[in-house]
């Protein structure tokens, strides 16, 4: 495992999140989504997959 001082901000955030879930457990585990919420979420995910990421815009525009 990398030392904390060698981690990027994203890696550190993921590490902390993993540890919190490991200690406390996932509060949403076992819960079901309501059908209306599931439809809305699926709709959002379909739209967002068509969007260009920030990183792609930076690459294109330099």
PDB file of N, CA and C in Angstrom:
ATOM      1  N   UNK A   1       0.841  -1.178   0.000  1.00  0.00           N
ATOM      2  CA  UNK A   1       0.000   0.000   0.000  1.00  0.00           C
ATOM      3  C   UNK A   1       0.888   1.242   0.000  1.00  0.00           C
ATOM      4  N   UNK A   2       0.470   2.257  -0.741  1.00  0.00           N
ATOM      5  CA  UNK A   2       1.219   3.510  -0.822  1.00  0.00           C
ATOM      6  C   UNK A   2       1.110   4.287   0.482  1.00  0.00           C
ATOM      7  N   UNK A   3       2.111   5.089   0.740  1.00  0.00           N
ATOM      8  CA  UNK A   3       2.062   5.967   1.898  1.00  0.00           C
ATOM      9  C   UNK A   3       1.107   7.107   1.601  1.00  0.00           C
ATOM     10  N   UNK A   4       0.492   7.648   2.650  1.00  0.00           N
ATOM     11  CA  UNK A   4      -0.483   8.714   2.466  1.00  0.00           C
ATOM     12  C   UNK A   4       0.121   9.892   1.714  1.00  0.00           C
ATOM     13  N   UNK A   5       1.352  10.244   2.029  1.00  0.00           N
ATOM     14  CA  UNK A   5       1.962  11.400   1.369  1.00  0.00           C
ATOM     15  C   UNK A   5       2.182  11.164  -0.124  1.00  0.00           C
ATOM     16  N   UNK A   6       2.124   9.908  -0.565  1.00  0.00           N
ATOM     17  CA  UNK A   6       2.313   9.583  -1.973  1.00  0.00           C
ATOM     18  C   UNK A   6       0.990   9.467  -2.727  1.00  0.00           C
ATOM     19  N   UNK A   7      -0.135   9.532  -2.013  1.00  0.00           N
ATOM     20  CA  UNK A   7      -1.451   9.381  -2.636  1.00  0.00           C
ATOM     21  C   UNK A   7      -1.922  10.686  -3.263  1.00  0.00           C
ATOM     22  N   UNK A   8      -2.695  10.526  -4.344  1.00  0.00           N
ATOM     23  CA  UNK A   8      -3.373  11.688  -4.911  1.00  0.00           C
ATOM     24  C   UNK A   8      -4.588  11.977  -4.052  1.00  0.00           C
ATOM     25  N   UNK A   9      -5.207  13.115  -4.262  1.00  0.00           N
ATOM     26  CA  UNK A   9      -6.410  13.469  -3.502  1.00  0.00           C
ATOM     27  C   UNK A   9      -7.506  12.438  -3.754  1.00  0.00           C
ATOM     28  N   UNK A  10      -7.666  12.033  -5.009  1.00  0.00           N
ATOM     29  CA  UNK A  10      -8.695  11.041  -5.343  1.00  0.00           C
ATOM     30  C   UNK A  10      -8.430   9.705  -4.656  1.00  0.00           C
ATOM     31  N   UNK A  11      -7.181   9.276  -4.653  1.00  0.00           N
ATOM     32  CA  UNK A  11      -6.834   8.009  -3.998  1.00  0.00           C
ATOM     33  C   UNK A  11      -7.099   8.087  -2.498  1.00  0.00           C
ATOM     34  N   UNK A  12      -6.775   9.218  -1.891  1.00  0.00           N
ATOM     35  CA  UNK A  12      -7.009   9.391  -0.457  1.00  0.00           C
ATOM     36  C   UNK A  12      -8.499   9.389  -0.143  1.00  0.00           C
ATOM     37  N   UNK A  13      -9.292  10.071  -0.965  1.00  0.00           N
ATOM     38  CA  UNK A  13     -10.742  10.082  -0.766  1.00  0.00           C
ATOM     39  C   UNK A  13     -11.316   8.670  -0.869  1.00  0.00           C
ATOM     40  N   UNK A  14     -10.880   7.908  -1.862  1.00  0.00           N
ATOM     41  CA  UNK A  14     -11.363   6.539  -2.026  1.00  0.00           C
ATOM     42  C   UNK A  14     -10.952   5.667  -0.853  1.00  0.00           C
ATOM     43  N   UNK A  15      -9.735   5.854  -0.374  1.00  0.00           N
ATOM     44  CA  UNK A  15      -9.252   5.093   0.773  1.00  0.00           C
ATOM     45  C   UNK A  15     -10.096   5.379   2.008  1.00  0.00           C
ATOM     46  N   UNK A  16     -10.364   6.661   2.261  1.00  0.00           N
ATOM     47  CA  UNK A  16     -11.163   7.047   3.429  1.00  0.00           C
ATOM     48  C   UNK A  16     -12.575   6.493   3.311  1.00  0.00           C
ATOM     49  N   UNK A  17     -13.185   6.625   2.135  1.00  0.00           N
ATOM     50  CA  UNK A  17     -14.538   6.102   1.932  1.00  0.00           C
ATOM     51  C   UNK A  17     -14.578   4.593   2.164  1.00  0.00           C
ATOM     52  N   UNK A  18     -13.593   3.889   1.646  1.00  0.00           N
ATOM     53  CA  UNK A  18     -13.523   2.434   1.823  1.00  0.00           C
ATOM     54  C   UNK A  18     -13.442   2.077   3.305  1.00  0.00           C
ATOM     55  N   UNK A  19     -12.612   2.799   4.040  1.00  0.00           N
ATOM     56  CA  UNK A  19     -12.451   2.515   5.466  1.00  0.00           C
ATOM     57  C   UNK A  19     -13.728   2.809   6.246  1.00  0.00           C
ATOM     58  N   UNK A  20     -14.415   3.891   5.922  1.00  0.00           N
ATOM     59  CA  UNK A  20     -15.668   4.229   6.608  1.00  0.00           C
ATOM     60  C   UNK A  20     -16.708   3.143   6.374  1.00  0.00           C
ATOM     61  N   UNK A  21     -16.844   2.709   5.108  1.00  0.00           N
ATOM     62  CA  UNK A  21     -17.808   1.646   4.798  1.00  0.00           C
ATOM     63  C   UNK A  21     -17.396   0.347   5.476  1.00  0.00           C
ATOM     64  N   UNK A  22     -16.103   0.076   5.509  1.00  0.00           N
ATOM     65  CA  UNK A  22     -15.590  -1.130   6.156  1.00  0.00           C
ATOM     66  C   UNK A  22     -15.938  -1.138   7.653  1.00  0.00           C
ATOM     67  N   UNK A  23     -15.810   0.004   8.295  1.00  0.00           N
ATOM     68  CA  UNK A  23     -16.058   0.102   9.741  1.00  0.00           C
ATOM     69  C   UNK A  23     -17.557   0.166  10.054  1.00  0.00           C
ATOM     70  N   UNK A  24     -18.280   1.022   9.341  1.00  0.00           N
ATOM     71  CA  UNK A  24     -19.693   1.259   9.657  1.00  0.00           C
ATOM     72  C   UNK A  24     -20.653   0.383   8.860  1.00  0.00           C
ATOM     73  N   UNK A  25     -20.193  -0.140   7.745  1.00  0.00           N
ATOM     74  CA  UNK A  25     -21.073  -0.893   6.866  1.00  0.00           C
ATOM     75  C   UNK A  25     -21.813   0.055   5.938  1.00  0.00           C
ATOM     76  N   UNK A  26     -22.417  -0.490   4.930  1.00  0.00           N
ATOM     77  CA  UNK A  26     -23.167   0.299   3.959  1.00  0.00           C
ATOM     78  C   UNK A  26     -24.582   0.493   4.478  1.00  0.00           C
ATOM     79  N   UNK A  27     -24.973   1.732   4.785  1.00  0.00           N
ATOM     80  CA  UNK A  27     -26.307   1.967   5.349  1.00  0.00           C
ATOM     81  C   UNK A  27     -27.446   1.638   4.385  1.00  0.00           C
ATOM     82  N   UNK A  28     -27.145   1.578   3.101  1.00  0.00           N
ATOM     83  CA  UNK A  28     -28.182   1.289   2.103  1.00  0.00           C
ATOM     84  C   UNK A  28     -28.227  -0.175   1.688  1.00  0.00           C
ATOM     85  N   UNK A  29     -27.361  -0.990   2.251  1.00  0.00           N
ATOM     86  CA  UNK A  29     -27.320  -2.402   1.884  1.00  0.00           C
ATOM     87  C   UNK A  29     -28.664  -3.062   2.170  1.00  0.00           C
ATOM     88  N   UNK A  30     -29.151  -3.780   1.189  1.00  0.00           N
ATOM     89  CA  UNK A  30     -30.392  -4.514   1.363  1.00  0.00           C
ATOM     90  C   UNK A  30     -31.656  -3.721   1.067  1.00  0.00           C
ATOM     91  N   UNK A  31     -31.530  -2.422   0.845  1.00  0.00           N
ATOM     92  CA  UNK A  31     -32.706  -1.610   0.545  1.00  0.00           C
ATOM     93  C   UNK A  31     -33.023  -1.675  -0.944  1.00  0.00           C
ATOM     94  N   UNK A  32     -34.291  -1.595  -1.269  1.00  0.00           N
ATOM     95  CA  UNK A  32     -34.716  -1.627  -2.673  1.00  0.00           C
ATOM     96  C   UNK A  32     -35.064  -0.222  -3.137  1.00  0.00           C
ATOM     97  N   UNK A  33     -34.838   0.023  -4.430  1.00  0.00           N
ATOM     98  CA  UNK A  33     -35.213   1.309  -5.004  1.00  0.00           C
ATOM     99  C   UNK A  33     -36.685   1.280  -5.383  1.00  0.00           C
ATOM    100  N   UNK A  34     -37.364   2.400  -5.170  1.00  0.00           N
ATOM    101  CA  UNK A  34     -38.753   2.501  -5.610  1.00  0.00           C
ATOM    102  C   UNK A  34     -38.749   2.562  -7.136  1.00  0.00           C
ATOM    103  N   UNK A  35     -39.754   1.961  -7.774  1.00  0.00           N
ATOM    104  CA  UNK A  35     -39.793   1.926  -9.251  1.00  0.00           C
ATOM    105  C   UNK A  35     -39.682   3.310  -9.892  1.00  0.00           C
ATOM    106  N   UNK A  36     -40.344   4.312  -9.334  1.00  0.00           N
ATOM    107  CA  UNK A  36     -40.294   5.659  -9.909  1.00  0.00           C
ATOM    108  C   UNK A  36     -38.876   6.229  -9.831  1.00  0.00           C
ATOM    109  N   UNK A  37     -38.202   5.996  -8.717  1.00  0.00           N
ATOM    110  CA  UNK A  37     -36.833   6.484  -8.564  1.00  0.00           C
ATOM    111  C   UNK A  37     -35.901   5.759  -9.518  1.00  0.00           C
ATOM    112  N   UNK A  38     -36.097   4.458  -9.664  1.00  0.00           N
ATOM    113  CA  UNK A  38     -35.269   3.668 -10.576  1.00  0.00           C
ATOM    114  C   UNK A  38     -35.392   4.198 -12.004  1.00  0.00           C
ATOM    115  N   UNK A  39     -36.631   4.508 -12.458  1.00  0.00           N
ATOM    116  CA  UNK A  39     -36.833   5.033 -13.802  1.00  0.00           C
ATOM    117  C   UNK A  39     -36.133   6.372 -13.987  1.00  0.00           C
ATOM    118  N   UNK A  40     -36.256   7.232 -12.975  1.00  0.00           N
ATOM    119  CA  UNK A  40     -35.621   8.541 -13.058  1.00  0.00           C
ATOM    120  C   UNK A  40     -34.100   8.400 -13.111  1.00  0.00           C
ATOM    121  N   UNK A  41     -33.555   7.518 -12.298  1.00  0.00           N
ATOM    122  CA  UNK A  41     -32.118   7.282 -12.269  1.00  0.00           C
ATOM    123  C   UNK A  41     -31.627   6.732 -13.607  1.00  0.00           C
ATOM    124  N   UNK A  42     -32.351   5.785 -14.171  1.00  0.00           N
ATOM    125  CA  UNK A  42     -31.971   5.227 -15.469  1.00  0.00           C
ATOM    126  C   UNK A  42     -31.984   6.301 -16.553  1.00  0.00           C
ATOM    127  N   UNK A  43     -32.971   7.192 -16.494  1.00  0.00           N
ATOM    128  CA  UNK A  43     -33.069   8.279 -17.457  1.00  0.00           C
ATOM    129  C   UNK A  43     -31.868   9.217 -17.337  1.00  0.00           C
ATOM    130  N   UNK A  44     -31.503   9.547 -16.118  1.00  0.00           N
ATOM    131  CA  UNK A  44     -30.352  10.429 -15.883  1.00  0.00           C
ATOM    132  C   UNK A  44     -29.073   9.776 -16.381  1.00  0.00           C
ATOM    133  N   UNK A  45     -28.911   8.485 -16.103  1.00  0.00           N
ATOM    134  CA  UNK A  45     -27.701   7.783 -16.523  1.00  0.00           C
ATOM    135  C   UNK A  45     -27.589   7.715 -18.042  1.00  0.00           C
ATOM    136  N   UNK A  46     -28.717   7.543 -18.727  1.00  0.00           N
ATOM    137  CA  UNK A  46     -28.695   7.517 -20.194  1.00  0.00           C
ATOM    138  C   UNK A  46     -28.261   8.869 -20.745  1.00  0.00           C
ATOM    139  N   UNK A  47     -28.785   9.942 -20.161  1.00  0.00           N
ATOM    140  CA  UNK A  47     -28.430  11.291 -20.613  1.00  0.00           C
ATOM    141  C   UNK A  47     -26.974  11.600 -20.306  1.00  0.00           C
ATOM    142  N   UNK A  48     -26.511  11.223 -19.127  1.00  0.00           N
ATOM    143  CA  UNK A  48     -25.141  11.567 -18.727  1.00  0.00           C
ATOM    144  C   UNK A  48     -24.107  10.805 -19.538  1.00  0.00           C
ATOM    145  N   UNK A  49     -24.451   9.631 -20.058  1.00  0.00           N
ATOM    146  CA  UNK A  49     -23.490   8.870 -20.854  1.00  0.00           C
ATOM    147  C   UNK A  49     -23.210   9.560 -22.191  1.00  0.00           C
ATOM    148  N   UNK A  50     -24.106  10.445 -22.608  1.00  0.00           N
ATOM    149  CA  UNK A  50     -23.935  11.172 -23.858  1.00  0.00           C
ATOM    150  C   UNK A  50     -23.143  12.456 -23.651  1.00  0.00           C
ATOM    151  N   UNK A  51     -22.936  12.853 -22.405  1.00  0.00           N
ATOM    152  CA  UNK A  51     -22.235  14.089 -22.102  1.00  0.00           C
ATOM    153  C   UNK A  51     -20.726  13.892 -22.230  1.00  0.00           C
ATOM    154  N   UNK A  52     -20.032  14.969 -22.544  1.00  0.00           N
ATOM    155  CA  UNK A  52     -18.582  14.944 -22.648  1.00  0.00           C
ATOM    156  C   UNK A  52     -17.989  15.278 -21.287  1.00  0.00           C
ATOM    157  N   UNK A  53     -17.008  14.501 -20.864  1.00  0.00           N
ATOM    158  CA  UNK A  53     -16.390  14.739 -19.572  1.00  0.00           C
ATOM    159  C   UNK A  53     -15.517  15.992 -19.618  1.00  0.00           C
ATOM    160  N   UNK A  54     -15.252  16.547 -18.464  1.00  0.00           N
ATOM    161  CA  UNK A  54     -14.390  17.713 -18.343  1.00  0.00           C
ATOM    162  C   UNK A  54     -13.020  17.425 -18.937  1.00  0.00           C
ATOM    163  N   UNK A  55     -12.488  16.250 -18.650  1.00  0.00           N
ATOM    164  CA  UNK A  55     -11.161  15.876 -19.137  1.00  0.00           C
ATOM    165  C   UNK A  55     -11.122  15.824 -20.663  1.00  0.00           C
ATOM    166  N   UNK A  56     -12.191  15.330 -21.286  1.00  0.00           N
ATOM    167  CA  UNK A  56     -12.238  15.262 -22.737  1.00  0.00           C
ATOM    168  C   UNK A  56     -12.274  16.670 -23.343  1.00  0.00           C
ATOM    169  N   UNK A  57     -12.994  17.580 -22.718  1.00  0.00           N
ATOM    170  CA  UNK A  57     -13.059  18.949 -23.207  1.00  0.00           C
ATOM    171  C   UNK A  57     -11.680  19.599 -23.132  1.00  0.00           C
ATOM    172  N   UNK A  58     -10.994  19.387 -22.010  1.00  0.00           N
ATOM    173  CA  UNK A  58      -9.652  19.949 -21.852  1.00  0.00           C
ATOM    174  C   UNK A  58      -8.711  19.395 -22.917  1.00  0.00           C
ATOM    175  N   UNK A  59      -8.807  18.085 -23.183  1.00  0.00           N
ATOM    176  CA  UNK A  59      -7.950  17.481 -24.218  1.00  0.00           C
ATOM    177  C   UNK A  59      -8.217  18.096 -25.583  1.00  0.00           C
ATOM    178  N   UNK A  60      -9.507  18.279 -25.912  1.00  0.00           N
ATOM    179  CA  UNK A  60      -9.867  18.810 -27.216  1.00  0.00           C
ATOM    180  C   UNK A  60      -9.437  20.266 -27.386  1.00  0.00           C
ATOM    181  N   UNK A  61      -9.626  21.049 -26.337  1.00  0.00           N
ATOM    182  CA  UNK A  61      -9.351  22.474 -26.446  1.00  0.00           C
ATOM    183  C   UNK A  61      -7.938  22.869 -26.060  1.00  0.00           C
ATOM    184  N   UNK A  62      -7.241  21.927 -25.439  1.00  0.00           N
ATOM    185  CA  UNK A  62      -5.851  22.183 -25.053  1.00  0.00           C
ATOM    186  C   UNK A  62      -5.838  23.001 -23.827  1.00  0.00           C
TER     187      UNK A  62
END
